[in-house]
Protein backbone atom coordinates (compact mmCIF):
# COMPACT_ATOMS: atom_id res chain seq x y z
CA MET A 1 16.39 15.12 72.81
CA LYS A 2 16.86 16.89 76.15
CA ARG A 3 19.90 14.73 76.82
CA PHE A 4 21.49 15.55 73.49
CA LEU A 5 20.69 19.25 73.89
CA ILE A 6 22.72 19.19 77.10
CA LEU A 7 25.43 17.24 75.31
CA PHE A 8 25.48 19.62 72.33
CA LEU A 9 25.80 22.69 74.56
CA ALA A 10 28.59 20.98 76.43
CA LEU A 11 30.45 20.23 73.20
CA VAL A 12 30.08 23.84 72.09
CA PHE A 13 31.71 24.78 75.36
CA ILE A 14 34.53 22.31 74.80
CA PHE A 15 35.31 24.01 71.50
CA SER A 16 35.42 27.49 73.05
CA PHE A 17 37.27 26.20 76.15
CA THR A 18 39.95 24.60 74.00
CA LYS A 19 40.31 27.75 71.94
CA LYS A 20 40.87 29.81 75.09
CA THR A 21 43.45 27.52 76.63
CA LEU A 22 45.39 27.22 73.37
CA ALA A 23 45.15 30.89 72.43
CA VAL A 24 48.37 32.34 71.09
CA SER A 25 48.86 35.85 72.42
CA ALA A 26 50.54 37.05 69.24
CA LEU A 27 47.97 35.72 66.80
CA ASP A 28 44.49 34.78 68.00
CA LEU A 29 41.81 35.02 65.31
CA LYS A 30 38.25 33.87 65.98
CA ILE A 31 35.57 33.20 63.38
CA TYR A 32 31.80 32.89 63.88
CA PRO A 33 30.00 30.82 62.78
CA PRO A 34 32.49 28.01 62.17
CA VAL A 35 29.82 26.10 60.18
CA ALA A 36 26.63 27.29 58.48
CA TYR A 37 23.85 25.32 56.76
CA LEU A 38 22.13 27.45 54.11
CA SER A 39 19.37 26.81 51.59
CA VAL A 40 18.74 28.98 48.50
CA LYS A 41 16.31 28.59 45.62
CA PRO A 42 17.54 29.03 42.04
CA GLY A 43 17.07 32.64 40.95
CA ALA A 44 17.12 33.88 44.56
CA GLY A 45 19.77 35.17 46.94
CA ILE A 46 20.60 35.56 50.63
CA ASN A 47 23.11 37.36 52.84
CA HIS A 48 25.43 35.37 55.06
CA GLN A 49 27.28 37.25 57.81
CA ILE A 50 30.57 36.08 59.30
CA LYS A 51 32.19 37.81 62.28
CA VAL A 52 35.98 37.98 62.41
CA LYS A 53 37.58 39.00 65.72
CA ASN A 54 41.23 39.67 66.48
CA ASP A 55 41.96 38.67 70.09
CA GLY A 56 45.71 38.79 69.54
CA LEU A 57 48.32 41.45 70.30
CA TYR A 58 49.05 42.68 66.80
CA THR A 59 47.26 44.03 63.77
CA LEU A 60 46.48 41.24 61.32
CA GLU A 61 46.39 41.29 57.55
CA ILE A 62 43.44 39.09 56.49
CA THR A 63 43.04 37.62 53.02
CA PRO A 64 39.73 35.83 52.23
CA VAL A 65 39.85 32.84 49.88
CA LEU A 66 37.08 30.49 48.73
CA VAL A 67 37.75 26.76 48.27
CA ASN A 68 35.69 23.56 48.20
CA PHE A 69 35.93 20.91 50.90
CA HIS A 70 34.87 17.28 51.33
CA GLY A 71 34.54 14.91 54.29
CA ASP A 72 37.19 12.34 55.21
CA ASP A 73 34.68 9.43 55.17
CA LYS A 74 35.45 8.58 58.78
CA THR A 75 35.34 11.39 61.34
CA GLY A 76 33.56 14.14 59.39
CA LEU A 77 36.76 16.19 59.28
CA ALA A 78 36.64 18.75 56.45
CA ILE A 79 39.40 18.16 53.88
CA LEU A 80 40.16 21.43 52.08
CA GLU A 81 40.64 21.43 48.33
CA GLN A 82 42.83 23.76 46.28
CA LYS A 83 40.11 25.98 44.81
CA SER A 84 36.40 26.40 44.10
CA ASP A 85 34.54 26.95 40.84
CA PHE A 86 31.44 28.23 42.67
CA LEU A 87 30.90 31.77 41.34
CA TYR A 88 27.84 32.89 43.27
CA LEU A 89 29.24 33.53 46.78
CA ASN A 90 31.16 36.79 47.16
CA LEU A 91 32.14 39.30 49.83
CA ASP A 92 29.72 42.25 49.55
CA GLY A 93 28.60 40.71 46.27
CA ASP A 94 31.91 41.66 44.64
CA ALA A 95 33.86 38.77 43.08
CA ASN A 96 36.99 40.97 42.93
CA LYS A 97 37.31 41.00 46.74
CA TRP A 98 38.51 37.39 46.87
CA GLY A 99 42.26 37.42 47.46
CA LYS A 100 42.29 41.10 48.48
CA SER A 101 43.57 41.80 52.00
CA PHE A 102 42.18 44.00 54.75
CA LEU A 103 43.51 44.90 58.20
CA ILE A 104 41.96 44.16 61.58
CA LYS A 105 43.38 45.73 64.75
CA PRO A 106 43.84 44.02 68.14
CA GLY A 107 40.49 43.68 69.92
CA GLU A 108 38.58 44.65 66.77
CA GLU A 109 35.64 42.64 65.44
CA LYS A 110 34.58 42.93 61.82
CA PRO A 111 31.21 41.74 60.50
CA LEU A 112 31.63 40.59 56.89
CA ASN A 113 28.64 40.33 54.58
CA PHE A 114 28.79 37.52 52.03
CA VAL A 115 26.15 37.55 49.30
CA ILE A 116 24.88 34.38 47.62
CA ALA A 117 22.99 35.20 44.40
CA LEU A 118 22.00 32.26 42.20
CA PRO A 119 20.94 32.32 38.56
CA SER A 120 17.54 30.82 37.74
CA GLU A 121 19.24 27.90 35.93
CA ALA A 122 21.36 26.92 38.94
CA GLU A 123 21.71 23.15 39.34
CA TYR A 124 19.82 21.45 42.18
CA ARG A 125 22.58 20.09 44.40
CA GLU A 126 24.51 20.66 47.64
CA TYR A 127 27.76 22.61 47.69
CA TYR A 128 30.50 22.30 50.31
CA LEU A 129 32.36 25.60 50.51
CA SER A 130 35.05 26.80 52.88
CA ILE A 131 35.71 30.51 53.35
CA LEU A 132 39.34 30.72 54.42
CA PHE A 133 40.77 33.69 56.26
CA GLN A 134 44.53 33.73 55.81
CA ALA A 135 45.94 35.83 58.65
CA LYS A 136 49.42 37.32 58.81
CA GLN A 137 50.78 39.26 61.77
CA LEU A 138 51.85 42.87 61.28
CA SER A 139 54.23 44.07 63.98
CA TYR A 140 55.83 47.49 64.21
CA SER A 141 58.06 46.58 67.13
CA SER A 142 61.55 45.10 67.10
CA VAL A 143 59.92 41.73 66.40
CA ALA A 144 59.42 42.94 62.82
CA THR A 145 63.13 42.64 62.20
CA ASP A 146 63.02 38.88 62.81
CA ASN A 147 62.80 36.54 59.85
CA THR A 148 59.89 34.65 61.42
CA VAL A 149 56.41 35.75 60.34
CA ILE A 150 53.50 34.39 62.36
CA SER A 151 50.59 33.35 60.17
CA ALA A 152 47.53 31.13 60.33
CA VAL A 153 44.46 30.06 58.38
CA VAL A 154 40.98 29.92 59.94
CA ALA A 155 37.97 28.51 58.07
CA SER A 156 34.24 29.05 58.14
CA ASN A 157 32.48 26.22 56.30
CA VAL A 158 29.26 26.68 54.35
CA ILE A 159 27.00 23.76 53.38
CA LEU A 160 24.78 25.25 50.72
CA LEU A 161 21.69 23.45 49.44
CA VAL A 162 20.36 24.67 46.09
CA SER A 163 16.79 23.44 45.91
CA ALA A 164 13.26 24.58 45.08
CA ASP A 165 12.15 23.68 48.61
CA ASP A 166 13.57 23.01 52.08
CA GLN A 167 12.83 19.28 52.05
CA ASN A 168 15.64 17.18 53.46
CA ARG A 169 16.61 14.56 50.88
CA GLY A 170 19.38 13.03 52.90
CA GLU A 171 19.13 9.28 53.46
CA LEU A 172 21.42 7.35 55.77
CA SER A 173 22.16 3.65 55.38
CA ILE A 174 24.32 1.31 57.43
CA GLU A 175 27.54 0.74 55.50
CA GLN A 176 29.28 -1.57 58.01
CA PHE A 177 28.68 -2.87 61.52
CA PHE A 178 32.02 -4.00 62.91
CA LEU A 179 31.59 -6.85 65.40
CA PRO A 180 33.55 -10.10 65.90
CA LYS A 181 31.71 -13.41 65.66
CA ILE A 182 33.26 -14.77 68.88
CA ALA A 183 34.94 -13.30 71.95
CA ASP A 184 36.50 -14.39 75.21
CA SER A 185 34.48 -14.08 78.43
CA PHE A 186 37.37 -12.47 80.29
CA MET A 187 38.27 -10.01 77.50
CA GLY A 188 34.92 -8.51 76.42
CA PHE A 189 34.40 -7.28 72.86
CA SER A 190 34.55 -4.11 70.76
CA PHE A 191 32.17 -2.81 68.11
CA SER A 192 31.68 0.22 65.86
CA ALA A 193 29.49 1.29 62.95
CA LEU A 194 29.97 3.18 59.69
CA VAL A 195 27.05 4.90 57.98
CA LYS A 196 26.74 6.37 54.49
CA ASN A 197 24.56 9.17 53.19
CA ILE A 198 23.03 7.89 49.94
CA GLY A 199 20.76 10.93 49.64
CA THR A 200 21.36 14.27 47.93
CA ASN A 201 21.99 16.54 50.91
CA ALA A 202 23.55 16.45 54.39
CA LYS A 203 21.64 14.69 57.16
CA PRO A 204 22.23 14.21 60.91
CA ILE A 205 22.64 10.72 62.36
CA GLU A 206 19.72 9.46 64.42
CA GLY A 207 19.31 6.12 66.14
CA HIS A 208 20.81 3.80 68.73
CA ILE A 209 22.85 0.68 69.42
CA LYS A 210 21.37 -1.85 71.86
CA VAL A 211 23.15 -4.79 73.48
CA SER A 212 20.98 -7.59 74.91
CA HIS A 213 21.72 -11.02 76.41
CA TRP A 214 19.22 -13.79 77.08
CA PRO A 215 17.96 -14.48 79.72
CA ASP A 216 19.11 -11.16 81.20
CA GLN A 217 16.28 -8.63 80.86
CA ASN A 218 18.58 -5.60 81.02
CA VAL A 219 19.43 -3.91 77.72
CA GLU A 220 22.48 -1.66 77.36
CA THR A 221 21.56 1.29 75.10
CA TYR A 222 23.91 3.70 73.32
CA GLU A 223 22.24 6.78 71.85
CA LEU A 224 23.81 7.99 68.60
CA TYR A 225 25.07 11.57 68.52
CA PRO A 226 23.52 13.68 65.71
CA ASP A 227 26.71 14.23 63.71
CA MET A 228 26.10 15.56 60.20
CA VAL A 229 26.95 13.30 57.25
CA LEU A 230 27.48 15.00 53.89
CA ALA A 231 25.79 13.63 50.77
CA GLY A 232 27.80 10.75 49.33
CA ASN A 233 30.05 10.65 52.43
CA LYS A 234 30.56 8.07 55.16
CA ARG A 235 31.06 8.59 58.88
CA LEU A 236 31.69 6.50 61.98
CA VAL A 237 28.82 6.92 64.41
CA ARG A 238 29.54 8.39 67.81
CA ALA A 239 27.44 7.59 70.83
CA MET A 240 27.18 7.71 74.59
CA SER A 241 25.62 5.08 76.80
CA GLU A 242 22.31 5.78 78.50
CA GLU A 243 24.06 5.46 81.85
CA ASP A 244 26.63 8.12 80.89
CA LEU A 245 23.90 10.45 79.62
CA GLN A 246 22.14 10.14 82.97
CA THR A 247 25.40 10.99 84.72
CA LEU A 248 25.75 14.05 82.49
CA GLU A 249 22.23 15.17 83.40
CA LYS A 250 23.03 14.79 87.11
CA MET A 251 26.20 16.84 86.64
CA GLU A 252 24.10 19.57 85.01
CA GLU A 253 21.59 19.51 87.88
CA ALA A 254 24.41 19.82 90.43
CA LYS A 255 26.14 22.61 88.49
CA GLU A 256 25.49 25.37 91.05
CA VAL A 257 26.69 23.22 93.95
CA THR A 258 29.87 22.27 92.09
CA ILE A 259 30.66 25.93 91.34
CA ALA A 260 29.85 26.94 94.93
CA ASN A 261 32.43 24.38 96.11
CA GLY A 262 35.07 26.17 94.08
CA GLU A 263 35.39 23.39 91.49
CA ASN A 264 35.73 23.97 87.75
CA TYR A 265 32.40 22.60 86.56
CA GLU A 266 32.95 23.28 82.83
CA ALA A 267 36.35 21.58 82.85
CA GLN A 268 34.87 18.53 84.61
CA LYS A 269 32.03 18.28 82.10
CA ALA A 270 34.37 18.74 79.13
CA SER A 271 36.64 16.00 80.44
CA PHE A 272 33.69 13.65 81.00
CA ILE A 273 32.32 14.15 77.49
CA ASN A 274 35.73 13.75 75.87
CA GLU A 275 36.09 10.44 77.67
CA LYS A 276 32.59 9.02 77.17
CA LEU A 277 31.54 10.18 73.68
CA ARG A 278 33.31 7.80 71.32
CA SER A 279 33.10 5.98 68.00
CA LYS A 280 34.67 2.69 69.10
CA PHE A 281 32.78 0.92 71.88
CA PHE A 282 34.01 -1.70 74.33
CA TYR A 283 31.55 -3.99 76.13
CA LYS A 284 32.61 -5.71 79.35
CA LYS A 285 30.06 -6.26 82.09
CA GLY A 286 31.43 -8.73 84.62
CA PHE A 287 31.82 -12.28 83.35
CA LEU A 288 30.35 -12.63 79.86
CA ILE A 289 29.02 -15.92 78.53
CA GLY A 290 26.50 -16.98 75.91
CA ALA A 291 24.99 -15.19 72.91
CA TYR A 292 24.83 -11.40 72.81
CA ASP A 293 22.60 -9.62 70.28
CA LEU A 294 23.52 -6.15 69.06
CA GLU A 295 20.89 -4.02 67.35
CA LEU A 296 21.95 -1.02 65.24
CA LYS A 297 19.27 1.44 64.10
CA VAL A 298 20.17 4.44 61.93
CA GLY A 299 17.14 6.35 60.67
CA ASP A 300 14.95 3.76 58.95
CA ASP A 301 17.81 1.29 58.43
CA PHE A 302 18.16 -1.58 60.87
CA LEU A 303 20.75 -4.32 61.37
CA GLN A 304 21.16 -7.01 64.03
CA LYS A 305 24.23 -9.12 64.73
CA ARG A 306 25.09 -11.83 67.26
CA ILE A 307 28.35 -12.59 69.01
CA ILE A 308 29.13 -15.80 70.93
CA VAL A 309 31.10 -15.23 74.13
CA LEU A 310 32.74 -18.19 75.90
CA PRO A 311 35.71 -18.63 78.30
CA PHE A 312 38.01 -19.64 75.44
CA SER A 313 41.14 -18.84 77.45
CA VAL A 314 40.11 -21.30 80.19
CA LEU A 315 39.10 -23.93 77.63
CA PHE A 316 42.42 -23.51 75.86
CA ILE A 317 44.36 -23.94 79.09
CA ALA A 318 42.26 -26.98 80.05
CA LEU A 319 42.89 -28.62 76.66
CA PHE A 320 46.55 -27.70 76.69
CA LEU A 321 47.28 -28.93 80.23
CA PRO A 322 47.45 -32.66 79.30
CA PHE A 323 49.94 -31.84 76.57
CA LEU A 324 52.01 -29.77 78.98
CA TYR A 325 51.97 -32.63 81.50
CA TRP A 326 53.07 -35.13 78.82
CA LEU A 327 55.84 -32.74 77.75
CA PHE A 328 56.95 -32.45 81.37
CA LEU A 329 57.18 -36.23 81.70
CA VAL A 330 59.20 -36.51 78.47
CA PHE A 331 61.71 -33.93 79.63
CA LYS A 332 61.88 -35.46 83.07
CA LYS A 333 62.60 -38.87 81.58
CA SER A 334 65.25 -37.54 79.18
CA PHE A 335 67.15 -35.83 81.97
CA LYS A 336 66.90 -38.72 84.40
CA LYS A 337 70.33 -40.23 85.14
CA PRO A 338 70.75 -43.98 84.28
CA PRO A 339 71.33 -46.32 87.29
CA ILE A 340 75.00 -46.99 88.21
CA ASP A 341 76.01 -50.71 88.01
């Protein structure tokens, strides 16, 4: 868990680093938290605070809107829907504030209090809600005369579990383990895995992928990243090899030295994670030959597959060479000039 704590903090940095480098000076709206996991019992209520900050140059007109969202069944990307019929989440507990605009000045940060109050007969289930902040630039300079209006939409997603207790009823199963049956020794092979949440609420991915080859005693291990999978949704697992995680730990230990040398440590770490954390894996360790066993473990689900790796390209050439030689002789004979009498 220590490794993934380091990895998680690094990914949080990547998000903020990207936001800074791509910031638009005219319109730069930040929302915190971007995602919240909440649990409420029927008949009870809670407050949920969202901070909205204007880091841009102009006053912004903000309009809050509530819609549902669902996952894309592959990357976990939130797909926004057109509306929401969830009536129990409101700004300051007032349902009339949805769709009503407010202003936020440059440099200003506004804490917004959203109230979730459930009736006692509320259905036990998980809701996927997205609080959208539609931002429009207000400019009182000469720019206002232009026809172009700069606008944007920023979302803060809420995964709300309505339940009598806090028990996690998510259950992950292996949907597919993509692996070819045969591969070429000189080419290596690729593999990936898709998991599905057959439970009733969101659950993080836990587990590993191991690659072993008899009689080699070394086992290549990929630790799965704890991405959240929504109930009823699918997601490709992401992972990083044990070797790469060790490298990341060493980078963290040498952080002070790297900074002292005038190097951009955070940029180096962000680049490393972007490169190494992936959902499609490629295995190529020298010359591969024989049977390779791949073990996929996700929660309590387990699946093992085998791939046969042989030098098929060499075998193909070896089998094809006699035919090529025969073809050469045929052409040579056909182009040979007849003897002159």
